[in-house]
N, C-alpha and C. Protein backbone atom coordinates (compact mmCIF):
# COMPACT_ATOMS: atom_id res chain seq x y z
N MET A 1 0.83 -1.20 0.00
CA MET A 1 0.00 0.00 0.00
C MET A 1 0.87 1.25 0.00
N PHE A 2 1.86 1.31 0.94
CA PHE A 2 2.72 2.49 1.02
C PHE A 2 3.56 2.64 -0.24
N GLY A 3 4.00 1.53 -0.83
CA GLY A 3 4.81 1.57 -2.05
C GLY A 3 4.05 2.22 -3.19
N MET A 4 2.76 1.90 -3.33
CA MET A 4 1.94 2.48 -4.38
C MET A 4 1.77 3.98 -4.17
N ALA A 5 1.54 4.39 -2.93
CA ALA A 5 1.40 5.82 -2.63
C ALA A 5 2.69 6.57 -2.93
N ALA A 6 3.84 5.97 -2.61
CA ALA A 6 5.13 6.60 -2.89
C ALA A 6 5.34 6.76 -4.39
N ARG A 7 4.95 5.76 -5.18
CA ARG A 7 5.10 5.85 -6.63
C ARG A 7 4.20 6.93 -7.21
N ILE A 8 2.98 7.03 -6.71
CA ILE A 8 2.07 8.07 -7.19
C ILE A 8 2.61 9.46 -6.84
N ALA A 9 3.08 9.63 -5.60
CA ALA A 9 3.65 10.92 -5.20
C ALA A 9 4.88 11.26 -6.03
N GLY A 10 5.74 10.27 -6.27
CA GLY A 10 6.93 10.50 -7.09
C GLY A 10 6.57 10.90 -8.51
N GLY A 11 5.57 10.22 -9.09
CA GLY A 11 5.13 10.58 -10.43
C GLY A 11 4.55 11.97 -10.49
N ALA A 12 3.80 12.36 -9.46
CA ALA A 12 3.23 13.71 -9.41
C ALA A 12 4.34 14.76 -9.35
N LEU A 13 5.38 14.49 -8.57
CA LEU A 13 6.50 15.44 -8.48
C LEU A 13 7.22 15.57 -9.81
N VAL A 14 7.39 14.47 -10.54
CA VAL A 14 8.02 14.53 -11.86
C VAL A 14 7.18 15.38 -12.81
N LEU A 15 5.86 15.19 -12.81
CA LEU A 15 4.99 15.99 -13.66
C LEU A 15 5.06 17.47 -13.30
N LEU A 16 5.11 17.78 -12.01
CA LEU A 16 5.23 19.18 -11.59
C LEU A 16 6.55 19.78 -12.04
N ALA A 17 7.62 19.00 -11.95
CA ALA A 17 8.94 19.49 -12.34
C ALA A 17 9.00 19.77 -13.84
N LEU A 18 8.21 19.05 -14.64
CA LEU A 18 8.20 19.24 -16.08
C LEU A 18 7.22 20.30 -16.54
N ALA A 19 6.46 20.87 -15.63
CA ALA A 19 5.48 21.90 -15.97
C ALA A 19 6.18 23.14 -16.53
N PRO A 20 5.45 24.00 -17.23
CA PRO A 20 6.07 25.21 -17.79
C PRO A 20 6.77 26.03 -16.72
N ALA A 21 7.85 26.69 -17.12
CA ALA A 21 8.64 27.49 -16.18
C ALA A 21 7.80 28.64 -15.63
N PRO A 22 7.97 28.97 -14.37
CA PRO A 22 7.21 30.07 -13.77
C PRO A 22 7.76 31.42 -14.22
N ALA A 23 7.06 32.44 -13.82
CA ALA A 23 7.54 33.79 -14.05
C ALA A 23 8.87 33.96 -13.32
N ARG A 24 9.67 34.87 -13.81
CA ARG A 24 10.94 35.13 -13.13
C ARG A 24 10.67 35.54 -11.70
N ALA A 25 11.62 35.22 -10.82
CA ALA A 25 11.45 35.52 -9.40
C ALA A 25 11.25 37.01 -9.16
N ASP A 26 11.88 37.88 -9.99
CA ASP A 26 11.73 39.31 -9.76
C ASP A 26 10.34 39.80 -10.15
N GLU A 27 9.54 38.94 -10.79
CA GLU A 27 8.18 39.29 -11.12
C GLU A 27 7.18 38.82 -10.06
N GLU A 28 7.65 38.11 -9.07
CA GLU A 28 6.79 37.67 -7.98
C GLU A 28 6.44 38.87 -7.11
N PRO A 29 5.16 39.05 -6.79
CA PRO A 29 4.76 40.21 -5.98
C PRO A 29 5.06 40.00 -4.50
N GLY A 30 4.93 41.07 -3.74
CA GLY A 30 4.95 40.95 -2.30
C GLY A 30 3.66 40.28 -1.86
N HIS A 31 3.65 39.73 -0.66
CA HIS A 31 2.48 39.02 -0.15
C HIS A 31 2.15 39.44 1.28
N LEU A 32 0.87 39.38 1.61
CA LEU A 32 0.41 39.42 2.99
C LEU A 32 -0.03 38.00 3.31
N LYS A 33 0.51 37.43 4.38
CA LYS A 33 0.31 36.02 4.67
C LYS A 33 -0.35 35.82 6.03
N LEU A 34 -1.39 35.00 6.07
CA LEU A 34 -2.05 34.60 7.31
C LEU A 34 -1.80 33.12 7.54
N SER A 35 -1.43 32.77 8.78
CA SER A 35 -1.14 31.38 9.13
C SER A 35 -1.90 30.99 10.39
N ALA A 36 -2.22 29.72 10.48
CA ALA A 36 -2.83 29.16 11.68
C ALA A 36 -2.30 27.75 11.87
N GLY A 37 -2.08 27.38 13.12
CA GLY A 37 -1.57 26.04 13.39
C GLY A 37 -1.34 25.82 14.86
N ALA A 38 -0.20 25.18 15.16
CA ALA A 38 0.11 24.84 16.54
C ALA A 38 1.58 25.12 16.83
N ILE A 39 1.86 25.44 18.09
CA ILE A 39 3.23 25.60 18.58
C ILE A 39 3.44 24.52 19.64
N GLY A 40 4.66 24.05 19.74
CA GLY A 40 4.97 23.01 20.72
C GLY A 40 4.82 21.62 20.15
N VAL A 41 4.82 21.50 18.84
CA VAL A 41 4.61 20.22 18.18
C VAL A 41 5.81 19.28 18.39
N ILE A 42 7.01 19.81 18.25
CA ILE A 42 8.25 19.05 18.44
C ILE A 42 9.14 19.89 19.34
N PRO A 43 9.78 19.44 20.37
CA PRO A 43 9.73 18.06 20.85
C PRO A 43 8.37 17.74 21.45
N SER A 44 8.04 16.46 21.48
CA SER A 44 6.70 16.03 21.85
C SER A 44 6.35 16.27 23.32
N ASP A 45 7.34 16.55 24.16
CA ASP A 45 7.04 16.80 25.57
C ASP A 45 6.65 18.25 25.83
N ARG A 46 6.58 19.09 24.81
CA ARG A 46 6.20 20.49 24.96
C ARG A 46 4.69 20.61 25.10
N ASP A 47 4.25 21.67 25.75
CA ASP A 47 2.83 21.97 25.81
C ASP A 47 2.41 22.57 24.46
N ASN A 48 1.35 22.07 23.89
CA ASN A 48 0.84 22.59 22.62
C ASN A 48 -0.09 23.76 22.86
N ALA A 49 -0.14 24.65 21.89
CA ALA A 49 -1.08 25.77 21.91
C ALA A 49 -1.40 26.14 20.47
N GLY A 50 -2.52 26.82 20.27
CA GLY A 50 -2.84 27.33 18.94
C GLY A 50 -1.88 28.45 18.58
N TYR A 51 -1.59 28.60 17.30
CA TYR A 51 -0.61 29.57 16.82
C TYR A 51 -1.20 30.29 15.61
N PHE A 52 -1.16 31.63 15.63
CA PHE A 52 -1.69 32.45 14.56
C PHE A 52 -0.69 33.53 14.22
N SER A 53 -0.46 33.76 12.92
CA SER A 53 0.51 34.79 12.56
C SER A 53 0.05 35.58 11.35
N PHE A 54 0.62 36.77 11.24
CA PHE A 54 0.41 37.69 10.13
C PHE A 54 1.80 38.13 9.68
N GLU A 55 2.05 38.07 8.36
CA GLU A 55 3.39 38.37 7.87
C GLU A 55 3.33 39.16 6.57
N TYR A 56 4.27 40.08 6.41
CA TYR A 56 4.46 40.80 5.16
C TYR A 56 5.72 40.25 4.49
N ARG A 57 5.58 39.79 3.26
CA ARG A 57 6.73 39.34 2.46
C ARG A 57 6.96 40.37 1.37
N ALA A 58 8.15 40.93 1.33
CA ALA A 58 8.48 42.01 0.39
C ALA A 58 8.40 41.54 -1.05
N GLY A 59 8.14 42.49 -1.94
CA GLY A 59 8.03 42.23 -3.36
C GLY A 59 9.34 42.48 -4.10
N PRO A 60 9.25 42.64 -5.42
CA PRO A 60 10.45 42.72 -6.26
C PRO A 60 11.36 43.91 -5.97
N SER A 61 10.83 44.99 -5.45
CA SER A 61 11.70 46.14 -5.20
C SER A 61 12.69 45.86 -4.07
N TRP A 62 12.45 44.84 -3.27
CA TRP A 62 13.35 44.47 -2.17
C TRP A 62 14.22 43.27 -2.54
N ASP A 63 14.02 42.72 -3.73
CA ASP A 63 14.70 41.50 -4.14
C ASP A 63 16.22 41.70 -4.16
N PHE A 64 16.96 40.80 -3.53
CA PHE A 64 18.42 40.82 -3.52
C PHE A 64 18.88 39.39 -3.75
N TRP A 65 19.30 39.07 -4.97
CA TRP A 65 19.70 37.71 -5.33
C TRP A 65 18.56 36.74 -5.08
N HIS A 66 17.34 37.18 -5.31
CA HIS A 66 16.12 36.40 -5.12
C HIS A 66 15.84 36.05 -3.66
N ILE A 67 16.49 36.76 -2.78
CA ILE A 67 16.23 36.63 -1.34
C ILE A 67 15.47 37.87 -0.91
N ARG A 68 14.35 37.66 -0.23
CA ARG A 68 13.51 38.79 0.16
C ARG A 68 13.24 38.79 1.66
N PRO A 69 13.16 39.98 2.25
CA PRO A 69 12.86 40.07 3.68
C PRO A 69 11.37 39.89 3.96
N SER A 70 11.09 39.53 5.19
CA SER A 70 9.71 39.49 5.67
C SER A 70 9.69 39.99 7.11
N PHE A 71 8.52 40.42 7.53
CA PHE A 71 8.31 40.93 8.88
C PHE A 71 7.00 40.33 9.37
N GLY A 72 7.01 39.74 10.57
CA GLY A 72 5.80 39.09 11.03
C GLY A 72 5.57 39.20 12.51
N VAL A 73 4.34 38.93 12.90
CA VAL A 73 3.95 38.86 14.31
C VAL A 73 3.09 37.62 14.50
N ALA A 74 3.23 37.00 15.67
CA ALA A 74 2.46 35.80 15.98
C ALA A 74 1.95 35.88 17.41
N ALA A 75 0.83 35.23 17.64
CA ALA A 75 0.26 35.11 18.98
C ALA A 75 -0.23 33.67 19.15
N THR A 76 -0.20 33.21 20.40
CA THR A 76 -0.66 31.85 20.68
C THR A 76 -1.89 31.90 21.59
N THR A 77 -2.57 30.79 21.69
CA THR A 77 -3.75 30.73 22.54
C THR A 77 -3.39 30.75 24.02
N ASP A 78 -2.11 30.63 24.36
CA ASP A 78 -1.69 30.76 25.76
C ASP A 78 -0.93 32.07 25.99
N ALA A 79 -1.26 33.09 25.20
CA ALA A 79 -0.81 34.48 25.38
C ALA A 79 0.67 34.71 25.11
N SER A 80 1.35 33.83 24.38
CA SER A 80 2.72 34.10 23.95
C SER A 80 2.67 35.00 22.72
N LEU A 81 3.69 35.85 22.58
CA LEU A 81 3.79 36.74 21.43
C LEU A 81 5.19 36.62 20.84
N TYR A 82 5.28 36.75 19.52
CA TYR A 82 6.58 36.70 18.86
C TYR A 82 6.54 37.62 17.65
N GLY A 83 7.52 38.49 17.54
CA GLY A 83 7.67 39.36 16.38
C GLY A 83 9.02 39.10 15.76
N TRP A 84 9.11 39.03 14.42
CA TRP A 84 10.37 38.66 13.80
C TRP A 84 10.58 39.36 12.47
N THR A 85 11.80 39.31 12.02
CA THR A 85 12.18 39.65 10.66
C THR A 85 12.99 38.48 10.13
N ALA A 86 12.85 38.19 8.84
CA ALA A 86 13.52 37.01 8.27
C ALA A 86 13.90 37.27 6.82
N LEU A 87 14.74 36.38 6.30
CA LEU A 87 15.07 36.35 4.88
C LEU A 87 14.50 35.07 4.30
N ASN A 88 13.89 35.18 3.11
CA ASN A 88 13.20 34.07 2.47
C ASN A 88 13.71 33.88 1.04
N LEU A 89 13.77 32.63 0.61
CA LEU A 89 14.19 32.31 -0.74
C LEU A 89 13.14 31.41 -1.38
N ASP A 90 12.54 31.85 -2.48
CA ASP A 90 11.56 31.03 -3.20
C ASP A 90 12.28 30.13 -4.18
N ILE A 91 12.02 28.82 -4.08
CA ILE A 91 12.56 27.84 -5.01
C ILE A 91 11.36 27.20 -5.72
N PHE A 92 11.28 27.41 -7.05
CA PHE A 92 10.14 26.93 -7.83
C PHE A 92 10.42 25.56 -8.41
N PHE A 93 9.43 24.69 -8.31
CA PHE A 93 9.42 23.39 -8.96
C PHE A 93 8.28 23.42 -9.95
N GLY A 94 8.57 23.78 -11.19
CA GLY A 94 7.54 24.01 -12.18
C GLY A 94 6.91 25.37 -11.93
N ALA A 95 5.71 25.53 -12.43
CA ALA A 95 5.03 26.83 -12.32
C ALA A 95 4.21 26.98 -11.05
N ARG A 96 3.97 25.89 -10.34
CA ARG A 96 3.02 25.92 -9.23
C ARG A 96 3.60 25.65 -7.85
N LEU A 97 4.51 24.73 -7.73
CA LEU A 97 5.01 24.31 -6.42
C LEU A 97 6.19 25.19 -6.01
N VAL A 98 6.09 25.77 -4.80
CA VAL A 98 7.13 26.69 -4.31
C VAL A 98 7.60 26.24 -2.93
N LEU A 99 8.90 26.02 -2.80
CA LEU A 99 9.53 25.74 -1.51
C LEU A 99 10.21 27.02 -1.06
N THR A 100 9.92 27.45 0.17
CA THR A 100 10.49 28.70 0.68
C THR A 100 11.18 28.46 2.02
N PRO A 101 12.51 28.22 1.99
CA PRO A 101 13.25 28.18 3.25
C PRO A 101 13.42 29.61 3.78
N SER A 102 13.50 29.74 5.10
CA SER A 102 13.68 31.07 5.68
C SER A 102 14.47 30.98 6.97
N SER A 103 15.08 32.11 7.30
CA SER A 103 15.84 32.21 8.54
C SER A 103 15.69 33.63 9.06
N GLY A 104 15.45 33.76 10.38
CA GLY A 104 15.24 35.08 10.93
C GLY A 104 15.48 35.13 12.42
N VAL A 105 15.21 36.29 12.98
CA VAL A 105 15.39 36.52 14.41
C VAL A 105 14.28 37.45 14.89
N GLY A 106 13.89 37.28 16.16
CA GLY A 106 12.84 38.12 16.69
C GLY A 106 12.82 38.14 18.20
N LEU A 107 11.81 38.80 18.73
CA LEU A 107 11.63 38.92 20.17
C LEU A 107 10.41 38.11 20.59
N TYR A 108 10.57 37.36 21.69
CA TYR A 108 9.54 36.44 22.17
C TYR A 108 9.13 36.80 23.59
N TYR A 109 7.82 36.80 23.84
CA TYR A 109 7.26 36.98 25.17
C TYR A 109 6.46 35.73 25.48
N ASP A 110 6.77 35.04 26.58
CA ASP A 110 6.14 33.73 26.81
C ASP A 110 4.72 33.79 27.36
N GLY A 111 4.27 34.91 27.92
CA GLY A 111 2.90 34.97 28.45
C GLY A 111 2.66 33.81 29.39
N ASP A 112 1.60 33.04 29.15
CA ASP A 112 1.31 31.83 29.93
C ASP A 112 1.78 30.58 29.19
N GLY A 113 2.58 30.77 28.13
CA GLY A 113 3.01 29.65 27.30
C GLY A 113 4.40 29.16 27.62
N GLN A 114 5.07 28.64 26.62
CA GLN A 114 6.37 28.01 26.77
C GLN A 114 7.45 29.02 27.11
N ASP A 115 8.28 28.68 28.10
CA ASP A 115 9.47 29.47 28.42
C ASP A 115 10.58 28.97 27.51
N LEU A 116 10.99 29.80 26.55
CA LEU A 116 12.01 29.38 25.61
C LEU A 116 13.42 29.82 26.02
N GLY A 117 13.57 30.39 27.23
CA GLY A 117 14.89 30.66 27.77
C GLY A 117 15.49 32.01 27.43
N SER A 118 14.87 32.78 26.54
CA SER A 118 15.44 34.07 26.15
C SER A 118 14.36 34.89 25.45
N ALA A 119 14.50 36.20 25.52
CA ALA A 119 13.59 37.07 24.77
C ALA A 119 13.96 37.06 23.29
N VAL A 120 15.23 36.81 22.97
CA VAL A 120 15.68 36.74 21.59
C VAL A 120 15.60 35.29 21.12
N GLU A 121 14.83 35.06 20.07
CA GLU A 121 14.66 33.71 19.53
C GLU A 121 14.88 33.74 18.02
N PHE A 122 15.62 32.78 17.53
CA PHE A 122 15.86 32.64 16.10
C PHE A 122 14.79 31.72 15.52
N ARG A 123 14.42 31.98 14.27
CA ARG A 123 13.33 31.24 13.60
C ARG A 123 13.86 30.71 12.28
N ASN A 124 13.92 29.40 12.15
CA ASN A 124 14.39 28.75 10.92
C ASN A 124 13.37 27.72 10.49
N GLY A 125 13.14 27.62 9.19
CA GLY A 125 12.18 26.64 8.72
C GLY A 125 11.94 26.74 7.23
N ALA A 126 10.82 26.16 6.82
CA ALA A 126 10.48 26.16 5.40
C ALA A 126 8.97 26.02 5.23
N GLU A 127 8.53 26.42 4.04
CA GLU A 127 7.13 26.29 3.65
C GLU A 127 7.06 25.64 2.28
N LEU A 128 6.01 24.90 2.06
CA LEU A 128 5.74 24.32 0.76
C LEU A 128 4.35 24.81 0.35
N ALA A 129 4.29 25.47 -0.82
CA ALA A 129 3.03 26.11 -1.21
C ALA A 129 2.67 25.78 -2.65
N TRP A 130 1.37 25.89 -2.92
CA TRP A 130 0.84 25.82 -4.27
C TRP A 130 0.59 27.25 -4.71
N ARG A 131 1.12 27.63 -5.88
CA ARG A 131 0.99 28.98 -6.42
C ARG A 131 -0.14 29.01 -7.44
N PHE A 132 -1.13 29.87 -7.20
CA PHE A 132 -2.28 29.98 -8.08
C PHE A 132 -2.01 30.99 -9.20
N ASP A 133 -2.91 31.05 -10.20
CA ASP A 133 -2.73 31.95 -11.35
C ASP A 133 -2.57 33.41 -10.94
N ASP A 134 -3.28 33.83 -9.88
CA ASP A 134 -3.20 35.23 -9.45
C ASP A 134 -1.98 35.49 -8.56
N ARG A 135 -1.09 34.49 -8.43
CA ARG A 135 0.14 34.52 -7.64
C ARG A 135 -0.10 34.41 -6.14
N SER A 136 -1.34 34.16 -5.72
CA SER A 136 -1.56 33.85 -4.31
C SER A 136 -1.02 32.45 -4.05
N ARG A 137 -0.84 32.13 -2.78
CA ARG A 137 -0.28 30.84 -2.41
C ARG A 137 -1.02 30.26 -1.22
N ALA A 138 -1.13 28.95 -1.19
CA ALA A 138 -1.66 28.24 -0.03
C ALA A 138 -0.73 27.07 0.23
N GLY A 139 -0.45 26.82 1.51
CA GLY A 139 0.49 25.75 1.79
C GLY A 139 0.62 25.41 3.26
N ILE A 140 1.70 24.70 3.55
CA ILE A 140 2.03 24.28 4.91
C ILE A 140 3.41 24.80 5.26
N GLY A 141 3.65 25.02 6.55
CA GLY A 141 4.95 25.49 6.99
C GLY A 141 5.36 24.87 8.31
N MET A 142 6.65 24.79 8.50
CA MET A 142 7.21 24.28 9.76
C MET A 142 8.42 25.14 10.10
N HIS A 143 8.43 25.68 11.32
CA HIS A 143 9.53 26.53 11.75
C HIS A 143 9.97 26.14 13.16
N TYR A 144 11.25 26.29 13.40
CA TYR A 144 11.82 25.95 14.70
C TYR A 144 12.27 27.25 15.38
N LEU A 145 11.85 27.46 16.62
CA LEU A 145 12.27 28.62 17.41
C LEU A 145 13.29 28.16 18.44
N SER A 146 14.41 28.86 18.51
CA SER A 146 15.47 28.52 19.46
C SER A 146 16.31 29.75 19.72
N ASN A 147 16.86 29.83 20.94
CA ASN A 147 17.80 30.92 21.20
C ASN A 147 19.24 30.50 20.91
N TYR A 148 19.43 29.28 20.49
CA TYR A 148 20.74 28.72 20.11
C TYR A 148 21.81 28.98 21.16
N GLY A 149 21.41 28.82 22.43
CA GLY A 149 22.38 28.87 23.52
C GLY A 149 22.70 30.25 24.06
N ILE A 150 22.05 31.31 23.60
CA ILE A 150 22.37 32.63 24.16
C ILE A 150 21.66 32.86 25.49
N GLY A 151 20.66 32.03 25.80
CA GLY A 151 19.96 32.11 27.08
C GLY A 151 20.49 31.07 28.05
N ASP A 152 20.02 31.13 29.29
CA ASP A 152 20.43 30.14 30.29
C ASP A 152 19.91 28.76 29.94
N ASP A 153 18.77 28.70 29.28
CA ASP A 153 18.15 27.45 28.90
C ASP A 153 17.75 27.58 27.43
N ASP A 154 17.76 26.47 26.69
CA ASP A 154 17.39 26.51 25.28
C ASP A 154 16.55 25.30 24.91
N PRO A 155 15.26 25.29 25.35
CA PRO A 155 14.43 24.12 25.04
C PRO A 155 13.99 24.05 23.58
N GLY A 156 13.86 25.19 22.90
CA GLY A 156 13.40 25.20 21.52
C GLY A 156 11.99 24.66 21.38
N THR A 157 11.34 25.01 20.29
CA THR A 157 10.01 24.50 19.99
C THR A 157 9.74 24.65 18.50
N THR A 158 8.76 23.92 18.03
CA THR A 158 8.43 23.92 16.61
C THR A 158 6.99 24.38 16.39
N THR A 159 6.78 25.15 15.33
CA THR A 159 5.44 25.52 14.90
C THR A 159 5.13 24.79 13.60
N MET A 160 3.90 24.36 13.46
CA MET A 160 3.41 23.77 12.21
C MET A 160 2.14 24.51 11.84
N THR A 161 2.08 24.99 10.59
CA THR A 161 0.95 25.84 10.19
C THR A 161 0.45 25.50 8.79
N VAL A 162 -0.75 25.95 8.52
CA VAL A 162 -1.28 26.06 7.17
C VAL A 162 -1.40 27.56 6.92
N PHE A 163 -1.25 27.98 5.67
CA PHE A 163 -1.27 29.42 5.42
C PHE A 163 -1.86 29.75 4.06
N TYR A 164 -2.22 31.02 3.95
CA TYR A 164 -2.64 31.62 2.68
C TYR A 164 -1.91 32.94 2.55
N ALA A 165 -1.25 33.15 1.40
CA ALA A 165 -0.53 34.39 1.14
C ALA A 165 -1.17 35.08 -0.07
N HIS A 166 -1.67 36.28 0.15
CA HIS A 166 -2.36 37.02 -0.90
C HIS A 166 -1.38 38.03 -1.51
N PRO A 167 -1.33 38.13 -2.85
CA PRO A 167 -0.41 39.08 -3.48
C PRO A 167 -0.80 40.51 -3.16
N LEU A 168 0.19 41.29 -2.81
CA LEU A 168 -0.03 42.68 -2.41
C LEU A 168 -0.58 43.52 -3.55
N HIS A 169 -0.14 43.28 -4.78
CA HIS A 169 -0.62 44.08 -5.91
C HIS A 169 -2.12 43.92 -6.14
N ALA A 170 -2.69 42.82 -5.71
CA ALA A 170 -4.13 42.61 -5.86
C ALA A 170 -4.94 43.40 -4.83
N LEU A 171 -4.28 43.87 -3.77
CA LEU A 171 -4.97 44.64 -2.74
C LEU A 171 -4.88 46.14 -2.95
N LEU A 172 -3.87 46.58 -3.70
CA LEU A 172 -3.64 48.00 -3.93
C LEU A 172 -4.04 48.37 -5.34
N PRO A 173 -4.62 49.57 -5.54
CA PRO A 173 -5.01 49.99 -6.89
C PRO A 173 -3.82 50.27 -7.78
């Protein structure tokens, strides 16, 4: 059963890779992105909470070697807050599938949630999205928050989300 599913998934990826080439990266618009999911997913001994974020991804005027900045804020259902800035790289597989690794840094307030050991937390992860004709995107993301040893304690935690990113040019006249 699993072998058949793996072959189907592999075949789908080959078809996506052979799809027509997407627009050049400098033609990709900026996006406003909404995400919802959970924090504390990995490691499994963490307390889970709902996770919601809003992010601005810069457009072509900020493009530097196809790396673009983003700025975001997140809140959890246990009153934690996180604000960050990051660098993102879009990697296209055909015209529709987009992998976006990112790395950033921000400030974290634990509220009634997880104590991550420091107010400064680094955010690394990736998203996999489907790109629609209007350049909007829908997908899944996974990011790891850690202070990488600058605090007294560094438990780290992972967020897993689903998201929708709307192109900024579609919102402005």
